């Protein structure tokens, strides 16, 4: 099993949703589940010191407790198949073998959007001619069905390690079957990989039947009000599970709306800042919404009233909206534009508002963009297996920085992984990025989407394939 299966996906489905966004939420959920099903963990050794956001004392305490009862520590590993640009969200897994190879242990932290991270311990035993027994402490049940060959028991986070081991051992003894005894990390990872294939095949076969138990678990008493409309949309569109997701007709509102504190007499002008950038809701708030709110409120010129994201057909964020209530369309609008541009809004951004009964589109933005879409399907399997995605991202970030830009965000889709770069000159970034494309075979056939010029027009290039590919 993967650490993905223990994470809270952070969709915020317990929050109130207006009816018009249920279908968009449904599309997003399906895209996320498809990505989870298709993902294959690729564990590579790492140095725990490279993860300063993680609690070293947590890892060390579990290691001491397991070592005291004879577990062999196998080391620290990262899932190299995951793509994250925010170092604070990265995590790693420490593995161990105990009971003469009969129990595999893994423990890790799962960063949370709010509050403390989850601290998880998961024990596995693979029974001869029987199921895999999994005992998980501190994990969250996302409600997704499990195949009958993988039997999971979840323990409260307060259960101590010795008790977790005892409970797991009792489950193994009660099965009446002898567990396989694993010799080393390679055998352990092979077992995890086999379980991952079993899990993915099982969930792929279930299709849309996956979603009702998941929504019931996540929403609880809110299922009837919120879960049923989402489930209905999913069931009406079985093609979504095949990756045939249509573009959403309107932005998905996922930002905090502060209508209750807006004085519409003082701030009568509704303005939408439309920004053609892939940026997640929390990052959108930090980069754009919070600085504008600070600048407007201190001058008594307006409020940020909300925000949203527009999804593409592949459930990629195509653009975001920041909604404003302004005192006027002169100074207040100028302040908002200046703050957005200082924050890094790309060319092709628009301020949308009504003035004297006429709809107005005011262009703004200064940063140009280079989005690198890595080919995730047609290259030789050896290239995917051998690529160090962190090393690639580090090189791309350094290259973009040398041209005055930055690697700002990433997105993993069903067939492509996108890395988004922004800077004062797209052409300069392309020149700087070219040596990285040459050095990393994974960049072959990458789709490059360049956004530049005052109007933010885009053009597409391809990184050539090599003869060996």
Protein backbone atom coordinates (compact mmCIF):
# COMPACT_ATOMS: atom_id res chain seq x y z
CA UNK A 1 0.00 0.00 0.00
CA UNK A 2 1.01 3.61 -0.58
CA UNK A 3 1.13 6.47 1.88
CA UNK A 4 -1.50 8.11 -0.40
CA UNK A 5 -4.06 5.70 0.99
CA UNK A 6 -3.57 7.08 4.47
CA UNK A 7 -3.87 10.77 3.61
CA UNK A 8 -6.75 13.16 4.10
CA UNK A 9 -7.19 14.51 0.59
CA UNK A 10 -8.07 17.99 1.83
CA UNK A 11 -10.99 18.59 -0.55
CA UNK A 12 -12.93 20.44 2.12
CA UNK A 13 -16.11 18.56 1.23
CA UNK A 14 -17.56 19.20 4.64
CA UNK A 15 -17.86 22.90 3.76
CA UNK A 16 -21.07 24.29 2.28
CA UNK A 17 -21.15 24.14 -1.51
CA UNK A 18 -23.52 26.10 -3.77
CA UNK A 19 -25.50 23.84 -6.13
CA UNK A 20 -23.82 25.12 -9.30
CA UNK A 21 -20.44 23.71 -8.35
CA UNK A 22 -21.41 20.13 -7.46
CA UNK A 23 -20.60 18.85 -10.93
CA UNK A 24 -17.24 20.60 -10.95
CA UNK A 25 -16.42 19.19 -7.53
CA UNK A 26 -17.40 15.75 -8.83
CA UNK A 27 -15.06 16.13 -11.83
CA UNK A 28 -12.22 17.17 -9.55
CA UNK A 29 -12.76 14.21 -7.22
CA UNK A 30 -12.84 11.74 -10.11
CA UNK A 31 -9.62 13.20 -11.55
CA UNK A 32 -7.91 12.90 -8.16
CA UNK A 33 -9.03 9.31 -7.68
CA UNK A 34 -7.90 8.40 -11.21
CA UNK A 35 -4.49 9.89 -10.44
CA UNK A 36 -4.33 7.87 -7.21
CA UNK A 37 -5.28 4.67 -9.03
CA UNK A 38 -2.68 5.17 -11.74
CA UNK A 39 0.12 6.23 -9.39
CA UNK A 40 2.92 3.75 -8.71
CA UNK A 41 5.16 4.43 -5.74
CA UNK A 42 8.88 4.38 -6.51
CA UNK A 43 10.87 4.36 -3.28
CA UNK A 44 14.37 5.79 -3.43
CA UNK A 45 16.82 6.30 -0.52
CA UNK A 46 16.94 9.80 0.97
CA UNK A 47 18.63 11.66 3.78
CA UNK A 48 16.25 12.57 6.60
CA UNK A 49 18.18 15.83 7.07
CA UNK A 50 16.79 16.98 3.71
CA UNK A 51 13.30 17.10 5.23
CA UNK A 52 13.56 19.81 7.91
CA UNK A 53 9.76 20.24 8.02
CA UNK A 54 9.33 16.71 9.35
CA UNK A 55 9.55 15.87 13.06
CA UNK A 56 12.84 14.02 13.48
CA UNK A 57 11.96 13.08 17.07
CA UNK A 58 8.86 11.21 15.86
CA UNK A 59 10.90 9.10 13.45
CA UNK A 60 13.60 8.49 16.07
CA UNK A 61 11.18 7.47 18.82
CA UNK A 62 9.45 4.87 16.64
CA UNK A 63 12.84 3.56 15.56
CA UNK A 64 13.95 3.13 19.18
CA UNK A 65 10.72 1.35 20.12
CA UNK A 66 10.93 -1.07 17.20
CA UNK A 67 14.66 -1.68 17.56
CA UNK A 68 14.07 -2.57 21.20
CA UNK A 69 11.97 -5.55 20.10
CA UNK A 70 14.36 -6.72 17.41
CA UNK A 71 13.31 -4.82 14.28
CA UNK A 72 15.97 -4.18 11.65
CA UNK A 73 15.86 -0.58 10.38
CA UNK A 74 16.09 -0.51 6.58
CA UNK A 75 16.50 3.23 6.11
CA UNK A 76 14.66 6.28 4.83
CA UNK A 77 12.96 6.43 1.44
CA UNK A 78 10.94 8.90 -0.59
CA UNK A 79 8.29 8.16 -3.19
CA UNK A 80 10.11 9.59 -6.20
CA UNK A 81 6.93 9.36 -8.27
CA UNK A 82 5.30 12.23 -6.40
CA UNK A 83 5.72 15.77 -7.72
CA UNK A 84 5.76 18.56 -5.13
CA UNK A 85 7.36 21.99 -5.37
CA UNK A 86 6.53 23.02 -1.79
CA UNK A 87 9.27 21.57 0.43
CA UNK A 88 7.03 21.91 3.49
CA UNK A 89 4.67 19.30 2.03
CA UNK A 90 7.34 16.72 1.28
CA UNK A 91 7.69 13.69 3.47
CA UNK A 92 9.60 10.44 3.63
CA UNK A 93 9.04 6.93 4.94
CA UNK A 94 11.26 4.95 7.32
CA UNK A 95 11.06 1.18 6.87
CA UNK A 96 11.94 -1.73 9.13
CA UNK A 97 11.58 -5.53 9.26
CA UNK A 98 10.79 -7.42 12.45
CA UNK A 99 9.76 -10.80 13.85
CA UNK A 100 12.40 -12.48 11.68
CA UNK A 101 11.00 -10.83 8.57
CA UNK A 102 7.35 -11.61 9.34
CA UNK A 103 6.34 -7.95 9.90
CA UNK A 104 7.12 -4.98 7.71
CA UNK A 105 6.87 -1.58 9.38
CA UNK A 106 6.68 1.86 7.81
CA UNK A 107 6.22 5.18 9.59
CA UNK A 108 5.88 8.67 8.23
CA UNK A 109 4.35 12.10 8.67
CA UNK A 110 1.54 13.35 6.43
CA UNK A 111 1.53 17.17 6.23
CA UNK A 112 -1.90 18.66 6.89
CA UNK A 113 -3.37 21.82 5.35
CA UNK A 114 -4.19 23.02 8.87
CA UNK A 115 -2.98 21.89 12.27
CA UNK A 116 -0.35 19.30 13.10
CA UNK A 117 0.70 16.66 10.57
CA UNK A 118 -0.55 13.11 10.90
CA UNK A 119 2.05 10.80 12.43
CA UNK A 120 1.43 7.30 11.11
CA UNK A 121 2.76 3.81 11.82
CA UNK A 122 1.68 1.00 9.49
CA UNK A 123 2.46 -2.70 10.00
CA UNK A 124 2.17 -5.34 7.26
CA UNK A 125 2.27 -9.13 7.29
CA UNK A 126 1.83 -11.19 4.12
CA UNK A 127 0.21 -14.51 4.96
CA UNK A 128 0.90 -17.70 3.03
CA UNK A 129 -2.07 -18.37 0.73
CA UNK A 130 -3.99 -15.66 2.50
CA UNK A 131 -4.59 -11.94 2.72
CA UNK A 132 -2.23 -9.13 3.57
CA UNK A 133 -2.85 -7.98 7.13
CA UNK A 134 -2.38 -4.25 7.64
CA UNK A 135 -2.55 -2.54 11.03
CA UNK A 136 -2.47 1.25 10.72
CA UNK A 137 -2.12 3.70 13.58
CA UNK A 138 -2.90 7.39 13.20
CA UNK A 139 -4.16 7.17 9.62
CA UNK A 140 -7.40 8.54 8.20
CA UNK A 141 -9.97 6.30 6.57
CA UNK A 142 -10.92 7.96 3.29
CA UNK A 143 -13.70 5.44 2.73
CA UNK A 144 -12.34 4.02 -0.52
CA UNK A 145 -13.10 0.27 -0.70
CA UNK A 146 -10.26 -2.18 -0.16
CA UNK A 147 -9.87 -5.50 -1.99
CA UNK A 148 -10.60 -8.63 0.08
CA UNK A 149 -6.93 -9.66 -0.17
CA UNK A 150 -5.89 -6.59 1.86
CA UNK A 151 -7.38 -6.53 5.36
CA UNK A 152 -6.87 -3.21 7.17
CA UNK A 153 -7.40 -2.55 10.88
CA UNK A 154 -7.11 1.10 11.95
CA UNK A 155 -5.94 2.08 15.42
CA UNK A 156 -6.35 5.38 17.21
CA UNK A 157 -3.31 7.66 17.18
CA UNK A 158 -3.12 7.37 20.98
CA UNK A 159 -2.31 3.63 20.87
CA UNK A 160 1.35 3.13 21.82
CA UNK A 161 3.77 1.26 19.57
CA UNK A 162 4.05 -1.88 21.71
CA UNK A 163 0.27 -2.18 21.82
CA UNK A 164 0.05 -1.71 18.05
CA UNK A 165 2.59 -4.51 17.58
CA UNK A 166 0.71 -6.76 20.01
CA UNK A 167 -2.60 -6.16 18.24
CA UNK A 168 -1.03 -6.84 14.88
CA UNK A 169 0.56 -10.03 16.17
CA UNK A 170 -2.79 -11.18 17.54
CA UNK A 171 -4.36 -10.68 14.11
CA UNK A 172 -1.63 -12.78 12.49
CA UNK A 173 -2.03 -15.54 15.11
CA UNK A 174 -5.83 -15.52 14.76
CA UNK A 175 -5.52 -16.09 11.01
CA UNK A 176 -4.05 -19.52 11.61
CA UNK A 177 -1.64 -18.99 8.68
CA UNK A 178 2.10 -18.57 8.68
CA UNK A 179 3.40 -15.23 7.42
CA UNK A 180 5.95 -14.97 4.65
CA UNK A 181 9.36 -14.00 6.01
CA UNK A 182 11.08 -11.23 4.05
CA UNK A 183 14.85 -10.95 3.92
CA UNK A 184 15.50 -7.34 2.95
CA UNK A 185 14.17 -4.06 1.61
CA UNK A 186 13.96 -5.30 -1.98
CA UNK A 187 11.58 -8.09 -0.98
CA UNK A 188 9.55 -5.66 1.13
CA UNK A 189 9.22 -3.18 -1.74
CA UNK A 190 8.28 -5.98 -4.14
CA UNK A 191 5.43 -6.96 -1.80
CA UNK A 192 4.27 -3.34 -1.55
CA UNK A 193 4.37 -3.03 -5.35
CA UNK A 194 2.26 -6.17 -5.76
CA UNK A 195 -0.28 -4.83 -3.26
CA UNK A 196 -0.38 -1.55 -5.13
CA UNK A 197 -1.22 -3.34 -8.38
CA UNK A 198 -3.91 -5.38 -6.64
CA UNK A 199 -5.40 -2.26 -5.10
CA UNK A 200 -5.36 -0.29 -8.35
CA UNK A 201 -6.92 -3.14 -10.37
CA UNK A 202 -9.63 -3.60 -7.75
CA UNK A 203 -10.55 0.09 -7.67
CA UNK A 204 -10.36 0.44 -11.45
CA UNK A 205 -12.78 -2.47 -11.77
CA UNK A 206 -15.21 -0.90 -9.29
CA UNK A 207 -15.27 2.35 -11.25
CA UNK A 208 -17.99 4.76 -10.08
CA UNK A 209 -18.94 2.35 -7.27
CA UNK A 210 -15.88 3.66 -5.43
CA UNK A 211 -17.42 6.99 -4.66
CA UNK A 212 -20.48 6.40 -2.50
CA UNK A 213 -18.59 4.78 0.41
CA UNK A 214 -15.87 7.42 0.09
CA UNK A 215 -18.35 10.32 0.16
CA UNK A 216 -20.33 8.78 3.01
CA UNK A 217 -17.14 8.44 5.05
CA UNK A 218 -15.86 11.94 4.29
CA UNK A 219 -19.15 13.81 4.67
CA UNK A 220 -20.86 11.85 7.42
CA UNK A 221 -24.16 13.52 8.28
CA UNK A 222 -23.70 15.96 5.38
CA UNK A 223 -23.83 13.17 2.79
CA UNK A 224 -27.51 13.63 1.94
CA UNK A 225 -27.14 17.37 1.30
CA UNK A 226 -23.70 17.46 -0.32
CA UNK A 227 -22.67 13.92 -1.16
CA UNK A 228 -25.75 12.83 -3.06
CA UNK A 229 -25.56 15.65 -5.67
CA UNK A 230 -21.86 14.93 -6.17
CA UNK A 231 -22.48 11.20 -6.42
CA UNK A 232 -25.32 11.76 -8.87
CA UNK A 233 -23.01 13.77 -11.13
CA UNK A 234 -20.36 11.04 -11.00
CA UNK A 235 -22.87 8.30 -11.78
CA UNK A 236 -24.24 10.28 -14.74
CA UNK A 237 -20.74 10.55 -16.20
CA UNK A 238 -19.01 7.13 -16.15
CA UNK A 239 -16.76 8.46 -18.93
CA UNK A 240 -14.98 10.60 -16.32
CA UNK A 241 -13.35 7.46 -14.92
CA UNK A 242 -11.92 6.87 -18.40
CA UNK A 243 -10.33 10.32 -18.38
CA UNK A 244 -12.98 11.91 -20.61
CA UNK A 245 -13.61 14.94 -18.40
CA UNK A 246 -15.21 17.95 -20.05
CA UNK A 247 -14.20 21.49 -19.25
CA UNK A 248 -16.16 22.99 -16.40
CA UNK A 249 -18.58 25.71 -17.54
CA UNK A 250 -17.78 28.17 -14.78
CA UNK A 251 -15.13 28.69 -12.10
CA UNK A 252 -15.16 26.37 -9.13
CA UNK A 253 -15.41 28.56 -6.05
CA UNK A 254 -13.04 27.25 -3.47
CA UNK A 255 -11.87 30.43 -1.73
CA UNK A 256 -13.20 31.97 1.44
CA UNK A 257 -16.04 34.39 0.70
CA UNK A 258 -16.26 37.38 2.99
CA UNK A 259 -19.61 38.80 1.83
CA UNK A 260 -20.81 39.14 5.40
CA UNK A 261 -18.25 41.84 6.19
CA UNK A 262 -18.54 43.84 2.95
CA UNK A 263 -20.36 47.16 3.05
CA UNK A 264 -21.78 47.31 -0.45
CA UNK A 265 -22.62 51.00 -0.14
CA UNK A 266 -18.98 51.86 0.53
CA UNK A 267 -17.57 49.22 -1.84
CA UNK A 268 -20.09 48.95 -4.70
CA UNK A 269 -17.79 47.92 -7.55
CA UNK A 270 -17.45 44.18 -8.17
CA UNK A 271 -14.15 43.37 -9.89
CA UNK A 272 -12.82 39.95 -10.82
CA UNK A 273 -9.06 39.54 -11.33
CA UNK A 274 -8.67 36.59 -13.73
CA UNK A 275 -5.16 35.14 -13.61
CA UNK A 276 -4.07 32.42 -16.10
CA UNK A 277 -1.96 30.47 -13.65
CA UNK A 278 -2.04 26.99 -12.19
CA UNK A 279 -2.03 27.79 -8.49
CA UNK A 280 -3.69 25.83 -5.70
CA UNK A 281 -6.24 27.56 -3.42
CA UNK A 282 -3.97 27.95 -0.39
CA UNK A 283 -1.09 29.26 -2.50
CA UNK A 284 -3.48 31.57 -4.34
CA UNK A 285 -4.52 33.05 -1.02
CA UNK A 286 -0.92 33.57 0.13
CA UNK A 287 0.36 34.97 -3.17
CA UNK A 288 -2.55 37.14 -4.28
CA UNK A 289 -5.53 37.41 -1.94
CA UNK A 290 -3.79 38.23 1.34
CA UNK A 291 -1.51 40.99 -0.06
CA UNK A 292 -4.45 42.64 -1.88
CA UNK A 293 -6.60 42.46 1.23
CA UNK A 294 -3.87 44.10 3.28
CA UNK A 295 -3.29 46.85 0.70
CA UNK A 296 -6.98 47.64 0.18
CA UNK A 297 -8.10 47.51 3.81
CA UNK A 298 -5.32 49.74 5.14
CA UNK A 299 -6.38 52.37 2.57
CA UNK A 300 -10.12 51.68 3.11
CA UNK A 301 -10.47 51.01 -0.61
CA UNK A 302 -12.06 47.56 -0.66
CA UNK A 303 -12.17 43.88 0.25
CA UNK A 304 -11.31 40.51 -1.20
CA UNK A 305 -14.67 38.70 -1.30
CA UNK A 306 -13.66 35.32 -2.65
CA UNK A 307 -11.75 33.30 -5.18
CA UNK A 308 -12.13 30.38 -7.51
CA UNK A 309 -10.39 28.02 -9.90
CA UNK A 310 -11.35 27.05 -13.45
CA UNK A 311 -10.60 23.44 -14.34
CA UNK A 312 -9.54 22.22 -17.77
CA UNK A 313 -10.73 18.99 -19.36
CA UNK A 314 -7.94 17.12 -17.52
CA UNK A 315 -8.86 18.74 -14.17
CA UNK A 316 -5.80 20.99 -14.34
CA UNK A 317 -6.30 24.50 -13.01
CA UNK A 318 -6.41 26.65 -16.14
CA UNK A 319 -6.93 29.99 -14.44
CA UNK A 320 -7.96 31.45 -11.10
CA UNK A 321 -10.25 34.32 -10.12
CA UNK A 322 -9.83 36.72 -7.21
CA UNK A 323 -13.05 38.59 -6.49
CA UNK A 324 -12.95 42.13 -5.13
CA UNK A 325 -15.40 44.72 -3.85
CA UNK A 326 -13.87 48.16 -4.48
CA UNK A 327 -14.71 51.69 -3.43
CA UNK A 328 -13.96 53.06 -6.90
CA UNK A 329 -12.55 52.15 -10.29
CA UNK A 330 -9.67 54.62 -10.08
CA UNK A 331 -7.29 54.47 -7.13
CA UNK A 332 -8.66 51.19 -5.76
CA UNK A 333 -8.37 49.45 -9.11
CA UNK A 334 -4.83 50.78 -9.61
CA UNK A 335 -3.79 49.54 -6.16
CA UNK A 336 -5.23 46.09 -6.83
CA UNK A 337 -3.46 45.84 -10.19
CA UNK A 338 -0.12 46.97 -8.78
CA UNK A 339 -0.26 44.46 -5.91
CA UNK A 340 -1.20 41.62 -8.26
CA UNK A 341 1.64 42.44 -10.62
CA UNK A 342 4.12 42.79 -7.76
CA UNK A 343 2.99 39.34 -6.57
CA UNK A 344 3.85 37.82 -9.95
CA UNK A 345 0.63 37.79 -11.97
CA UNK A 346 1.44 36.60 -15.51
CA UNK A 347 0.75 38.38 -18.77
CA UNK A 348 -2.69 37.64 -20.10
CA UNK A 349 -4.36 38.44 -16.77
CA UNK A 350 -7.55 40.52 -16.85
CA UNK A 351 -9.48 42.77 -14.50
CA UNK A 352 -13.18 42.25 -15.29
CA UNK A 353 -15.78 44.79 -14.19
CA UNK A 354 -18.72 46.88 -15.31
CA UNK A 355 -18.37 50.63 -15.83
CA UNK A 356 -21.24 52.90 -16.95
CA UNK A 357 -23.23 49.84 -17.96
CA UNK A 358 -20.44 48.43 -20.16
CA UNK A 359 -18.46 45.25 -19.48
CA UNK A 360 -14.74 46.09 -19.34
CA UNK A 361 -11.69 43.85 -19.65
CA UNK A 362 -8.50 45.55 -18.44
CA UNK A 363 -5.32 43.59 -19.23
CA UNK A 364 -2.53 43.40 -16.67
CA UNK A 365 0.35 41.17 -15.65
CA UNK A 366 4.10 41.28 -16.20
CA UNK A 367 5.51 37.76 -15.75
CA UNK A 368 5.89 35.50 -18.78
CA UNK A 369 5.49 31.75 -18.46
CA UNK A 370 7.01 28.48 -19.62
CA UNK A 371 5.01 25.38 -18.68
CA UNK A 372 6.86 22.10 -19.20
CA UNK A 373 4.49 19.13 -19.64
CA UNK A 374 6.49 15.93 -19.24
CA UNK A 375 5.32 13.01 -21.35
CA UNK A 376 4.06 10.41 -18.87
CA UNK A 377 3.08 7.61 -21.23
CA UNK A 378 5.13 7.12 -24.40
CA UNK A 379 8.76 7.05 -23.23
CA UNK A 380 10.61 3.81 -22.38
CA UNK A 381 9.76 2.48 -18.93
CA UNK A 382 13.44 2.58 -17.95
CA UNK A 383 13.42 6.37 -18.29
CA UNK A 384 10.56 6.74 -15.82
CA UNK A 385 12.17 4.29 -13.41
CA UNK A 386 15.57 5.98 -13.51
CA UNK A 387 14.48 9.62 -13.31
CA UNK A 388 15.14 11.49 -10.08
CA UNK A 389 12.25 13.97 -10.24
CA UNK A 390 13.61 16.01 -7.33
CA UNK A 391 16.96 16.41 -9.11
CA UNK A 392 15.13 17.46 -12.27
CA UNK A 393 13.05 20.04 -10.43
CA UNK A 394 16.12 21.38 -8.66
CA UNK A 395 17.91 21.83 -11.98
CA UNK A 396 14.88 23.45 -13.60
CA UNK A 397 14.44 25.80 -10.66
CA UNK A 398 18.11 26.81 -10.74
CA UNK A 399 17.96 27.35 -14.50
CA UNK A 400 14.82 29.50 -14.28
CA UNK A 401 16.40 31.48 -11.44
CA UNK A 402 19.44 32.24 -13.61
CA UNK A 403 17.06 33.93 -16.06
CA UNK A 404 15.36 35.94 -13.31
CA UNK A 405 12.46 33.49 -13.03
CA UNK A 406 11.26 30.71 -10.77
CA UNK A 407 9.75 27.23 -10.83
CA UNK A 408 6.50 28.16 -9.12
CA UNK A 409 4.27 25.08 -9.05
CA UNK A 410 3.62 21.60 -10.41
CA UNK A 411 0.68 19.40 -11.37
CA UNK A 412 0.47 15.65 -11.96
CA UNK A 413 -2.21 14.69 -14.45
CA UNK A 414 -3.36 11.37 -15.95
CA UNK A 415 -0.85 11.46 -18.84
CA UNK A 416 1.46 14.43 -18.16
CA UNK A 417 3.30 16.09 -15.30
CA UNK A 418 3.44 19.87 -15.60
CA UNK A 419 6.10 22.18 -14.14
CA UNK A 420 5.26 25.89 -14.30
CA UNK A 421 7.98 28.54 -14.63
CA UNK A 422 7.48 32.32 -14.52
CA UNK A 423 9.87 35.18 -15.12
CA UNK A 424 10.39 38.48 -16.95
CA UNK A 425 11.29 36.76 -20.23
CA UNK A 426 9.98 33.42 -21.50
CA UNK A 427 12.66 33.37 -24.21
CA UNK A 428 15.42 33.81 -21.63
CA UNK A 429 13.98 30.99 -19.53
CA UNK A 430 13.79 28.71 -22.56
CA UNK A 431 17.49 29.28 -23.25
CA UNK A 432 18.32 28.58 -19.59
CA UNK A 433 16.15 25.45 -19.47
CA UNK A 434 17.54 23.88 -22.64
CA UNK A 435 20.64 22.29 -21.01
CA UNK A 436 18.35 20.65 -18.45
CA UNK A 437 16.22 19.18 -21.25
CA UNK A 438 19.42 17.80 -22.80
CA UNK A 439 20.61 16.23 -19.54
CA UNK A 440 17.35 14.53 -18.51
CA UNK A 441 15.89 11.91 -20.89
CA UNK A 442 12.49 12.33 -19.18
CA UNK A 443 12.22 15.70 -20.95
CA UNK A 444 11.99 14.08 -24.39
CA UNK A 445 8.72 14.88 -26.17
CA UNK A 446 7.81 17.33 -23.42
CA UNK A 447 5.15 19.83 -24.44
CA UNK A 448 6.26 23.43 -23.82
CA UNK A 449 3.52 26.02 -23.50
CA UNK A 450 4.97 29.53 -23.69
CA UNK A 451 2.92 32.52 -22.53
CA UNK A 452 4.43 35.88 -23.46
CA UNK A 453 3.77 39.32 -24.84
CA UNK A 454 1.47 42.03 -23.53
CA UNK A 455 -1.64 40.05 -24.43
CA UNK A 456 -0.37 36.78 -22.93
CA UNK A 457 -0.79 34.79 -26.13
CA UNK A 458 0.44 31.19 -25.92
CA UNK A 459 2.37 29.00 -28.32
CA UNK A 460 3.42 25.38 -28.05
CA UNK A 461 6.75 23.71 -28.77
CA UNK A 462 8.00 20.14 -28.35
CA UNK A 463 11.30 18.94 -26.94
CA UNK A 464 12.67 16.54 -29.60
CA UNK A 465 12.90 12.83 -28.97
CA UNK A 466 16.30 11.20 -29.06
CA UNK A 467 17.09 8.36 -31.43
CA UNK A 468 17.19 5.89 -28.53
CA UNK A 469 13.66 6.83 -27.49
